């Protein structure tokens, strides 16, 4: 048996359909809007970090602050907009600025303001965990800002060795919730 709906009820239901569908669709997130305002593509925290770290210095948005914590990437700008993106649960981002003669103190890495001494410098990078297992053993190049970005397993203690034309440096670093995401103490050749 078919039930006939009154014409007004049917027209009202059809007219409301776009409103219901629009209410169900997700609009841009605060992070997407903030990144778009600075001509940057949206993405996961890892994608945004990797993209910002790789930008040439003159292309980095001067009005955007992007700070890497142990759990989130915090974005803010001069217009007062703020947003966060969660870092991967199994990885921590650590950015290392090896140096020969000049450095700065740093605990949380700023993707848009931190500058290291050795921009686009080739390095041999080796990282071992406490058991001696090799996690990284490769040739890498520092970013235009002089930092070397590393995605490392969380809750580990690692020995990191960097070697380049100016010499070698080794340090121990942690990747727990209290760990720095910015290492500026590795002086090559010291």
N, C-alpha and C. Protein backbone atom coordinates (compact mmCIF):
# COMPACT_ATOMS: atom_id res chain seq x y z
N UNK A 1 0.84 -1.17 0.00
CA UNK A 1 0.00 0.00 0.00
C UNK A 1 0.89 1.25 0.00
N UNK A 2 0.63 2.18 -0.86
CA UNK A 2 1.40 3.42 -0.98
C UNK A 2 0.67 4.51 -0.22
N UNK A 3 1.47 5.30 0.51
CA UNK A 3 0.90 6.43 1.24
C UNK A 3 1.25 7.70 0.49
N UNK A 4 0.26 8.48 0.17
CA UNK A 4 0.49 9.74 -0.55
C UNK A 4 0.75 10.84 0.46
N UNK A 5 1.87 11.51 0.28
CA UNK A 5 2.19 12.65 1.14
C UNK A 5 1.56 13.90 0.55
N UNK A 6 1.07 14.77 1.42
CA UNK A 6 0.54 16.02 0.90
C UNK A 6 1.66 16.77 0.17
N UNK A 7 1.28 17.45 -0.88
CA UNK A 7 2.25 18.15 -1.74
C UNK A 7 3.11 19.13 -0.93
N UNK A 8 2.52 19.88 0.00
CA UNK A 8 3.29 20.84 0.81
C UNK A 8 4.35 20.13 1.64
N UNK A 9 4.03 19.01 2.23
CA UNK A 9 4.99 18.26 3.06
C UNK A 9 6.16 17.80 2.21
N UNK A 10 5.85 17.29 1.03
CA UNK A 10 6.90 16.82 0.12
C UNK A 10 7.80 17.97 -0.31
N UNK A 11 7.22 19.11 -0.69
CA UNK A 11 8.02 20.26 -1.11
C UNK A 11 8.86 20.81 0.04
N UNK A 12 8.32 20.83 1.24
CA UNK A 12 9.08 21.32 2.40
C UNK A 12 10.26 20.40 2.68
N UNK A 13 10.03 19.10 2.57
CA UNK A 13 11.12 18.14 2.81
C UNK A 13 12.21 18.30 1.76
N UNK A 14 11.83 18.46 0.50
CA UNK A 14 12.83 18.64 -0.55
C UNK A 14 13.59 19.95 -0.38
N UNK A 15 12.91 21.00 0.02
CA UNK A 15 13.57 22.29 0.21
C UNK A 15 14.55 22.25 1.38
N UNK A 16 14.27 21.45 2.39
CA UNK A 16 15.14 21.38 3.57
C UNK A 16 16.36 20.48 3.35
N UNK A 17 16.32 19.63 2.34
CA UNK A 17 17.42 18.68 2.11
C UNK A 17 18.78 19.35 1.99
N UNK A 18 18.97 20.40 1.20
CA UNK A 18 20.30 21.03 1.14
C UNK A 18 20.77 21.57 2.49
N UNK A 19 19.84 22.09 3.29
CA UNK A 19 20.21 22.61 4.60
C UNK A 19 20.71 21.49 5.51
N UNK A 20 20.02 20.37 5.47
CA UNK A 20 20.43 19.23 6.28
C UNK A 20 21.79 18.72 5.82
N UNK A 21 21.97 18.59 4.52
CA UNK A 21 23.25 18.11 4.00
C UNK A 21 24.38 19.09 4.30
N UNK A 22 24.12 20.36 4.20
CA UNK A 22 25.15 21.36 4.50
C UNK A 22 25.54 21.29 5.97
N UNK A 23 24.57 21.04 6.84
CA UNK A 23 24.86 20.92 8.26
C UNK A 23 25.70 19.70 8.57
N UNK A 24 25.63 18.68 7.74
CA UNK A 24 26.39 17.46 7.95
C UNK A 24 27.79 17.53 7.38
N UNK A 25 28.03 18.40 6.43
CA UNK A 25 29.36 18.44 5.83
C UNK A 25 30.30 19.23 6.73
N UNK A 26 31.52 18.76 6.79
CA UNK A 26 32.51 19.40 7.65
C UNK A 26 33.11 20.60 6.93
N UNK A 27 33.12 21.72 7.60
CA UNK A 27 33.78 22.90 7.05
C UNK A 27 35.27 22.81 7.35
N UNK A 28 36.00 23.80 6.89
CA UNK A 28 37.44 23.76 7.14
C UNK A 28 37.72 23.89 8.64
N UNK A 29 38.75 23.20 9.08
CA UNK A 29 39.15 23.28 10.48
C UNK A 29 39.90 24.59 10.71
N UNK A 30 40.11 24.93 11.97
CA UNK A 30 40.87 26.14 12.31
C UNK A 30 42.27 26.06 11.71
N UNK A 31 42.88 24.88 11.76
CA UNK A 31 44.23 24.72 11.19
C UNK A 31 44.22 24.93 9.68
N UNK A 32 43.21 24.37 9.00
CA UNK A 32 43.12 24.53 7.55
C UNK A 32 42.95 26.00 7.18
N UNK A 33 42.09 26.71 7.91
CA UNK A 33 41.87 28.13 7.63
C UNK A 33 43.14 28.95 7.89
N UNK A 34 43.83 28.64 8.97
CA UNK A 34 45.05 29.37 9.31
C UNK A 34 46.15 29.14 8.28
N UNK A 35 46.33 27.89 7.89
CA UNK A 35 47.34 27.58 6.88
C UNK A 35 46.99 28.20 5.54
N UNK A 36 45.72 28.14 5.17
CA UNK A 36 45.27 28.73 3.91
C UNK A 36 45.51 30.24 3.88
N UNK A 37 45.32 30.90 5.02
CA UNK A 37 45.54 32.35 5.10
C UNK A 37 47.00 32.72 4.83
N UNK A 38 47.89 31.74 4.98
CA UNK A 38 49.32 31.98 4.74
C UNK A 38 49.82 31.22 3.51
N UNK A 39 48.87 30.88 2.63
CA UNK A 39 49.17 30.21 1.36
C UNK A 39 49.90 28.89 1.54
N UNK A 40 49.53 28.15 2.59
CA UNK A 40 50.12 26.84 2.84
C UNK A 40 49.03 25.78 2.75
N UNK A 41 49.36 24.61 2.21
CA UNK A 41 48.36 23.54 2.12
C UNK A 41 48.08 22.92 3.49
N UNK A 42 46.85 22.50 3.68
CA UNK A 42 46.48 21.81 4.91
C UNK A 42 47.02 20.39 4.86
N UNK A 43 47.09 19.76 5.99
CA UNK A 43 47.55 18.38 6.05
C UNK A 43 47.66 17.93 7.49
N UNK A 44 48.24 16.76 7.68
CA UNK A 44 48.49 16.26 9.03
C UNK A 44 49.63 17.08 9.64
N UNK A 45 49.82 16.93 10.93
CA UNK A 45 50.94 17.63 11.59
C UNK A 45 52.26 17.26 10.92
N UNK A 46 52.43 15.99 10.61
CA UNK A 46 53.68 15.56 9.98
C UNK A 46 53.87 16.24 8.62
N UNK A 47 52.81 16.29 7.82
CA UNK A 47 52.90 16.91 6.49
C UNK A 47 53.20 18.41 6.59
N UNK A 48 52.55 19.08 7.54
CA UNK A 48 52.77 20.52 7.70
C UNK A 48 54.19 20.79 8.19
N UNK A 49 54.65 20.02 9.16
CA UNK A 49 56.02 20.18 9.68
C UNK A 49 57.04 19.97 8.57
N UNK A 50 56.91 18.88 7.84
CA UNK A 50 57.87 18.58 6.77
C UNK A 50 57.85 19.67 5.69
N UNK A 51 56.66 20.18 5.36
CA UNK A 51 56.56 21.22 4.33
C UNK A 51 57.19 22.53 4.80
N UNK A 52 56.90 22.94 6.04
CA UNK A 52 57.46 24.20 6.54
C UNK A 52 58.98 24.11 6.70
N UNK A 53 59.46 22.98 7.18
CA UNK A 53 60.91 22.81 7.39
C UNK A 53 61.66 22.89 6.07
N UNK A 54 61.04 22.43 4.98
CA UNK A 54 61.72 22.39 3.68
C UNK A 54 61.66 23.72 2.92
N UNK A 55 60.81 24.64 3.34
CA UNK A 55 60.67 25.91 2.61
C UNK A 55 61.95 26.73 2.63
N UNK A 56 62.30 27.33 1.49
CA UNK A 56 63.40 28.30 1.51
C UNK A 56 63.06 29.44 2.48
N UNK A 57 64.06 30.04 3.08
CA UNK A 57 63.83 31.06 4.10
C UNK A 57 62.96 32.21 3.61
N UNK A 58 63.18 32.66 2.38
CA UNK A 58 62.40 33.79 1.87
C UNK A 58 60.96 33.44 1.54
N UNK A 59 60.60 32.16 1.59
CA UNK A 59 59.22 31.74 1.34
C UNK A 59 58.48 31.38 2.62
N UNK A 60 59.15 31.42 3.75
CA UNK A 60 58.49 31.11 5.02
C UNK A 60 57.59 32.26 5.42
N UNK A 61 56.36 31.95 5.82
CA UNK A 61 55.43 33.01 6.19
C UNK A 61 55.90 33.73 7.46
N UNK A 62 56.18 35.02 7.34
CA UNK A 62 56.74 35.78 8.47
C UNK A 62 55.71 36.06 9.56
N UNK A 63 54.44 36.01 9.23
CA UNK A 63 53.38 36.30 10.21
C UNK A 63 52.86 35.04 10.89
N UNK A 64 53.38 33.87 10.53
CA UNK A 64 52.91 32.61 11.10
C UNK A 64 53.95 32.07 12.07
N UNK A 65 53.51 31.67 13.25
CA UNK A 65 54.37 30.96 14.19
C UNK A 65 53.92 29.51 14.21
N UNK A 66 54.87 28.61 14.09
CA UNK A 66 54.58 27.17 14.10
C UNK A 66 55.57 26.52 15.06
N UNK A 67 55.09 26.12 16.22
CA UNK A 67 55.94 25.58 17.27
C UNK A 67 55.65 24.10 17.47
N UNK A 68 56.72 23.29 17.47
CA UNK A 68 56.57 21.84 17.62
C UNK A 68 56.72 21.45 19.08
N UNK A 69 55.64 20.95 19.67
CA UNK A 69 55.69 20.40 21.02
C UNK A 69 55.86 18.90 20.95
N UNK A 70 55.76 18.23 22.07
CA UNK A 70 55.91 16.78 22.05
C UNK A 70 54.64 16.07 21.60
N UNK A 71 53.50 16.73 21.73
CA UNK A 71 52.23 16.12 21.33
C UNK A 71 51.51 16.84 20.21
N UNK A 72 51.76 18.14 20.06
CA UNK A 72 51.03 18.92 19.07
C UNK A 72 51.93 19.92 18.36
N UNK A 73 51.50 20.28 17.16
CA UNK A 73 52.06 21.40 16.42
C UNK A 73 51.10 22.56 16.69
N UNK A 74 51.62 23.65 17.25
CA UNK A 74 50.80 24.82 17.56
C UNK A 74 51.04 25.89 16.51
N UNK A 75 49.96 26.35 15.91
CA UNK A 75 50.01 27.38 14.87
C UNK A 75 49.32 28.63 15.39
N UNK A 76 49.91 29.80 15.13
CA UNK A 76 49.27 31.06 15.48
C UNK A 76 49.79 32.14 14.54
N UNK A 77 49.03 33.23 14.45
CA UNK A 77 49.49 34.32 13.59
C UNK A 77 49.16 35.67 14.21
N UNK A 78 49.60 36.72 13.55
CA UNK A 78 49.44 38.09 14.05
C UNK A 78 47.98 38.51 14.12
N UNK A 79 47.11 37.84 13.37
CA UNK A 79 45.68 38.17 13.39
C UNK A 79 44.97 37.56 14.60
N UNK A 80 45.71 36.82 15.43
CA UNK A 80 45.13 36.22 16.62
C UNK A 80 44.54 34.85 16.41
N UNK A 81 44.69 34.30 15.23
CA UNK A 81 44.17 32.96 14.97
C UNK A 81 45.11 31.93 15.60
N UNK A 82 44.55 30.85 16.12
CA UNK A 82 45.34 29.77 16.71
C UNK A 82 44.73 28.44 16.34
N UNK A 83 45.59 27.44 16.22
CA UNK A 83 45.13 26.08 15.93
C UNK A 83 46.22 25.10 16.35
N UNK A 84 45.82 23.87 16.56
CA UNK A 84 46.79 22.82 16.86
C UNK A 84 46.50 21.61 15.98
N UNK A 85 47.55 20.88 15.70
CA UNK A 85 47.45 19.60 15.00
C UNK A 85 48.19 18.56 15.84
N UNK A 86 47.57 17.42 16.07
CA UNK A 86 48.20 16.38 16.88
C UNK A 86 49.32 15.70 16.12
N UNK A 87 50.44 15.47 16.81
CA UNK A 87 51.54 14.71 16.23
C UNK A 87 51.18 13.23 16.24
N UNK A 88 51.83 12.44 15.39
CA UNK A 88 51.55 11.00 15.40
C UNK A 88 51.81 10.40 16.79
N UNK A 89 50.98 9.45 17.18
CA UNK A 89 51.09 8.85 18.51
C UNK A 89 52.39 8.08 18.70
N UNK A 90 52.94 7.54 17.63
CA UNK A 90 54.11 6.67 17.75
C UNK A 90 55.44 7.38 17.45
N UNK A 91 55.38 8.65 17.03
CA UNK A 91 56.61 9.35 16.66
C UNK A 91 56.70 10.73 17.32
N UNK A 92 57.94 11.18 17.50
CA UNK A 92 58.21 12.53 17.99
C UNK A 92 59.12 13.21 16.99
N UNK A 93 58.84 14.47 16.71
CA UNK A 93 59.68 15.23 15.79
C UNK A 93 60.74 15.98 16.60
N UNK A 94 61.99 15.77 16.22
CA UNK A 94 63.11 16.46 16.85
C UNK A 94 63.89 17.14 15.73
N UNK A 95 64.15 18.43 15.91
CA UNK A 95 64.90 19.18 14.92
C UNK A 95 66.25 19.57 15.52
N UNK A 96 67.31 19.22 14.82
CA UNK A 96 68.67 19.39 15.33
C UNK A 96 69.40 20.41 14.46
N UNK A 97 70.02 21.40 15.11
CA UNK A 97 70.82 22.40 14.40
C UNK A 97 72.29 22.22 14.78
N UNK A 98 73.02 21.40 14.01
CA UNK A 98 74.45 21.29 14.31
C UNK A 98 75.12 22.63 14.02
N UNK A 99 76.25 22.88 14.68
CA UNK A 99 76.92 24.15 14.46
C UNK A 99 78.43 23.98 14.60
N UNK A 100 79.16 24.98 14.11
CA UNK A 100 80.61 25.03 14.25
C UNK A 100 80.98 26.12 15.25
N UNK A 101 80.43 27.33 15.07
CA UNK A 101 80.84 28.42 15.96
C UNK A 101 79.69 29.17 16.64
N UNK A 102 78.48 29.12 16.12
CA UNK A 102 77.39 29.89 16.71
C UNK A 102 76.11 29.11 16.84
N UNK A 103 75.43 29.27 17.98
CA UNK A 103 74.17 28.56 18.21
C UNK A 103 73.25 29.44 19.05
N UNK A 104 72.10 28.94 19.38
CA UNK A 104 71.16 29.63 20.26
C UNK A 104 70.49 28.60 21.15
N UNK A 105 69.96 29.05 22.29
CA UNK A 105 69.22 28.14 23.16
C UNK A 105 67.85 27.89 22.56
N UNK A 106 67.39 26.67 22.72
CA UNK A 106 66.10 26.31 22.14
C UNK A 106 65.58 25.07 22.83
N UNK A 107 64.27 25.01 23.11
CA UNK A 107 63.67 23.82 23.69
C UNK A 107 62.56 23.28 22.79
N UNK A 108 61.64 24.16 22.37
CA UNK A 108 60.59 23.77 21.43
C UNK A 108 60.92 24.41 20.08
N UNK A 109 61.00 23.59 19.05
CA UNK A 109 61.42 24.07 17.74
C UNK A 109 60.34 24.93 17.09
N UNK A 110 60.75 26.09 16.59
CA UNK A 110 59.87 26.96 15.82
C UNK A 110 60.21 26.77 14.34
N UNK A 111 59.26 26.30 13.58
CA UNK A 111 59.48 26.03 12.16
C UNK A 111 59.65 27.30 11.33
N UNK A 112 59.20 28.42 11.85
CA UNK A 112 59.23 29.66 11.06
C UNK A 112 60.25 30.68 11.56
N UNK A 113 60.80 30.49 12.76
CA UNK A 113 61.74 31.50 13.27
C UNK A 113 63.11 30.96 13.65
N UNK A 114 63.25 29.68 13.97
CA UNK A 114 64.55 29.14 14.38
C UNK A 114 65.50 29.09 13.18
N UNK A 115 66.72 29.55 13.40
CA UNK A 115 67.75 29.50 12.36
C UNK A 115 69.02 28.89 12.93
N UNK A 116 69.54 27.90 12.22
CA UNK A 116 70.81 27.30 12.59
C UNK A 116 71.92 27.82 11.70
N UNK A 117 73.14 27.46 12.04
CA UNK A 117 74.32 27.98 11.34
C UNK A 117 74.60 27.28 10.01
N UNK A 118 74.30 26.00 9.92
CA UNK A 118 74.73 25.20 8.77
C UNK A 118 73.56 24.87 7.84
N UNK A 119 73.16 25.83 7.02
CA UNK A 119 72.06 25.63 6.07
C UNK A 119 72.51 24.75 4.91
N UNK A 120 71.64 23.81 4.56
CA UNK A 120 71.84 22.92 3.41
C UNK A 120 73.22 22.27 3.42
N UNK A 121 73.58 21.74 4.57
CA UNK A 121 74.87 21.09 4.80
C UNK A 121 74.67 19.57 4.79
N UNK A 122 75.49 18.86 4.02
CA UNK A 122 75.42 17.40 3.99
C UNK A 122 76.02 16.80 5.26
N UNK A 123 75.31 15.82 5.82
CA UNK A 123 75.76 15.16 7.05
C UNK A 123 75.51 13.67 6.99
N UNK A 124 76.38 12.92 7.64
CA UNK A 124 76.12 11.50 7.90
C UNK A 124 75.37 11.46 9.23
N UNK A 125 74.23 10.81 9.25
CA UNK A 125 73.38 10.77 10.44
C UNK A 125 73.25 9.33 10.90
N UNK A 126 73.54 9.10 12.18
CA UNK A 126 73.41 7.75 12.74
C UNK A 126 72.71 7.86 14.09
N UNK A 127 71.67 7.08 14.27
CA UNK A 127 70.94 7.05 15.53
C UNK A 127 70.75 5.63 16.00
N UNK A 128 71.09 5.38 17.26
CA UNK A 128 70.94 4.05 17.85
C UNK A 128 70.11 4.17 19.12
N UNK A 129 69.28 3.16 19.38
CA UNK A 129 68.54 3.17 20.64
C UNK A 129 69.40 2.57 21.75
N UNK A 130 68.86 2.49 22.96
CA UNK A 130 69.63 2.03 24.12
C UNK A 130 70.13 0.60 23.97
N UNK A 131 69.45 -0.21 23.16
CA UNK A 131 69.89 -1.59 22.95
C UNK A 131 70.96 -1.71 21.88
N UNK A 132 71.27 -0.61 21.20
CA UNK A 132 72.26 -0.63 20.13
C UNK A 132 71.66 -0.83 18.75
N UNK A 133 70.34 -0.96 18.68
CA UNK A 133 69.68 -1.12 17.38
C UNK A 133 69.79 0.19 16.60
N UNK A 134 70.18 0.09 15.34
CA UNK A 134 70.35 1.27 14.50
C UNK A 134 68.98 1.69 13.94
N UNK A 135 68.58 2.92 14.25
CA UNK A 135 67.31 3.45 13.77
C UNK A 135 67.49 4.32 12.53
N UNK A 136 68.63 4.99 12.45
CA UNK A 136 68.94 5.86 11.31
C UNK A 136 70.41 5.66 10.97
N UNK A 137 70.69 5.50 9.70
CA UNK A 137 72.08 5.45 9.23
C UNK A 137 72.04 5.87 7.77
N UNK A 138 72.11 7.18 7.55
CA UNK A 138 71.95 7.69 6.19
C UNK A 138 72.60 9.06 6.03
N UNK A 139 72.77 9.43 4.79
CA UNK A 139 73.26 10.77 4.45
C UNK A 139 72.04 11.68 4.36
N UNK A 140 72.10 12.83 5.02
CA UNK A 140 71.00 13.79 5.00
C UNK A 140 71.56 15.18 4.78
N UNK A 141 70.71 16.11 4.41
CA UNK A 141 71.10 17.51 4.23
C UNK A 141 70.23 18.36 5.13
N UNK A 142 70.86 19.29 5.86
CA UNK A 142 70.07 20.18 6.70
C UNK A 142 69.16 21.04 5.81
N UNK A 143 68.08 21.49 6.40
CA UNK A 143 67.10 22.32 5.68
C UNK A 143 67.67 23.73 5.47
N UNK A 144 66.98 24.55 4.68
CA UNK A 144 67.44 25.93 4.47
C UNK A 144 67.61 26.73 5.77
N UNK A 145 66.92 26.33 6.83
CA UNK A 145 67.05 27.03 8.11
C UNK A 145 68.20 26.49 8.97
N UNK A 146 68.96 25.52 8.45
CA UNK A 146 70.08 24.96 9.18
C UNK A 146 69.73 23.83 10.13
N UNK A 147 68.49 23.38 10.10
CA UNK A 147 68.05 22.30 10.99
C UNK A 147 67.90 21.00 10.23
N UNK A 148 68.07 19.92 10.96
CA UNK A 148 67.89 18.57 10.44
C UNK A 148 66.70 17.98 11.17
N UNK A 149 65.60 17.75 10.47
CA UNK A 149 64.39 17.23 11.09
C UNK A 149 64.40 15.71 11.13
N UNK A 150 64.10 15.17 12.31
CA UNK A 150 64.10 13.71 12.49
C UNK A 150 62.78 13.27 13.12
N UNK A 151 62.13 12.30 12.51
CA UNK A 151 60.96 11.66 13.11
C UNK A 151 61.47 10.41 13.80
N UNK A 152 61.34 10.38 15.13
CA UNK A 152 61.92 9.31 15.94
C UNK A 152 60.83 8.60 16.73
N UNK A 153 61.07 7.33 17.09
CA UNK A 153 60.07 6.62 17.90
C UNK A 153 59.93 7.29 19.27
N UNK A 154 58.71 7.32 19.77
CA UNK A 154 58.45 7.92 21.08
C UNK A 154 58.98 7.05 22.21
N UNK A 155 59.20 7.72 23.33
CA UNK A 155 59.58 7.06 24.58
C UNK A 155 60.84 6.21 24.44
N UNK A 156 61.83 6.79 23.80
CA UNK A 156 63.11 6.10 23.62
C UNK A 156 64.25 7.00 24.08
N UNK A 157 65.39 6.39 24.34
CA UNK A 157 66.62 7.14 24.56
C UNK A 157 67.55 6.74 23.43
N UNK A 158 68.09 7.74 22.75
CA UNK A 158 68.89 7.48 21.56
C UNK A 158 70.24 8.15 21.64
N UNK A 159 71.20 7.55 20.97
CA UNK A 159 72.49 8.19 20.76
C UNK A 159 72.50 8.64 19.31
N UNK A 160 72.68 9.94 19.12
CA UNK A 160 72.67 10.52 17.78
C UNK A 160 74.06 11.04 17.46
N UNK A 161 74.58 10.63 16.29
CA UNK A 161 75.88 11.10 15.83
C UNK A 161 75.71 11.76 14.48
N UNK A 162 76.25 12.97 14.35
CA UNK A 162 76.26 13.71 13.09
C UNK A 162 77.70 13.92 12.68
N UNK A 163 78.00 13.70 11.41
CA UNK A 163 79.36 13.92 10.91
C UNK A 163 79.28 14.68 9.59
N UNK A 164 80.12 15.72 9.47
CA UNK A 164 80.17 16.52 8.26
C UNK A 164 81.57 17.00 8.01
N UNK A 165 81.72 17.91 7.05
CA UNK A 165 83.04 18.44 6.72
C UNK A 165 83.73 19.09 7.91
N UNK A 166 82.97 19.70 8.80
CA UNK A 166 83.55 20.42 9.94
C UNK A 166 83.88 19.51 11.11
N UNK A 167 83.47 18.25 11.06
CA UNK A 167 83.76 17.34 12.16
C UNK A 167 82.55 16.51 12.54
N UNK A 168 82.58 16.02 13.76
CA UNK A 168 81.56 15.09 14.24
C UNK A 168 81.08 15.52 15.63
N UNK A 169 79.84 15.17 15.95
CA UNK A 169 79.29 15.43 17.28
C UNK A 169 78.34 14.29 17.63
N UNK A 170 78.32 13.94 18.91
CA UNK A 170 77.43 12.88 19.40
C UNK A 170 76.71 13.40 20.63
N UNK A 171 75.44 13.05 20.74
CA UNK A 171 74.66 13.42 21.91
C UNK A 171 73.66 12.32 22.21
N UNK A 172 73.16 12.33 23.43
CA UNK A 172 72.08 11.43 23.83
C UNK A 172 70.81 12.26 23.90
N UNK A 173 69.74 11.73 23.34
CA UNK A 173 68.48 12.45 23.42
C UNK A 173 67.35 11.51 23.76
N UNK A 174 66.30 12.10 24.36
CA UNK A 174 65.11 11.35 24.74
C UNK A 174 63.95 11.77 23.84
N UNK A 175 62.97 10.90 23.77
CA UNK A 175 61.78 11.23 22.98
C UNK A 175 60.51 11.02 23.81
N UNK A 176 60.58 11.38 25.09
CA UNK A 176 59.40 11.25 25.95
C UNK A 176 58.63 12.57 25.99
N UNK A 177 57.60 12.62 26.82
CA UNK A 177 56.73 13.80 26.89
C UNK A 177 57.43 15.05 27.42
N UNK A 178 58.57 14.89 28.08
CA UNK A 178 59.32 16.02 28.65
C UNK A 178 60.49 16.43 27.76
N UNK A 179 60.66 15.79 26.63
CA UNK A 179 61.84 16.00 25.79
C UNK A 179 61.78 17.29 24.99
N UNK A 180 62.93 17.89 24.72
CA UNK A 180 62.96 19.04 23.82
C UNK A 180 62.72 18.58 22.38
N UNK A 181 62.15 19.46 21.58
CA UNK A 181 61.98 19.16 20.15
C UNK A 181 63.00 19.95 19.33
N UNK A 182 63.87 20.67 19.99
CA UNK A 182 64.88 21.51 19.35
C UNK A 182 66.23 21.24 20.03
N UNK A 183 67.19 20.74 19.28
CA UNK A 183 68.52 20.44 19.82
C UNK A 183 69.52 21.36 19.12
N UNK A 184 70.16 22.22 19.90
CA UNK A 184 71.12 23.19 19.33
C UNK A 184 72.48 23.09 20.02
N UNK A 185 72.79 21.92 20.56
CA UNK A 185 74.02 21.76 21.34
C UNK A 185 75.06 20.86 20.67
N UNK A 186 74.84 20.46 19.43
CA UNK A 186 75.77 19.55 18.76
C UNK A 186 76.80 20.34 17.95
N UNK A 187 77.94 20.61 18.58
CA UNK A 187 79.01 21.36 17.92
C UNK A 187 79.92 20.40 17.18
N UNK A 188 79.97 20.54 15.86
CA UNK A 188 80.80 19.68 15.03
C UNK A 188 82.27 20.04 15.22
N UNK A 189 83.09 19.02 15.40
CA UNK A 189 84.53 19.23 15.50
C UNK A 189 85.01 19.72 16.83
N UNK A 190 84.14 19.75 17.84
CA UNK A 190 84.55 20.26 19.15
C UNK A 190 85.34 19.22 19.92
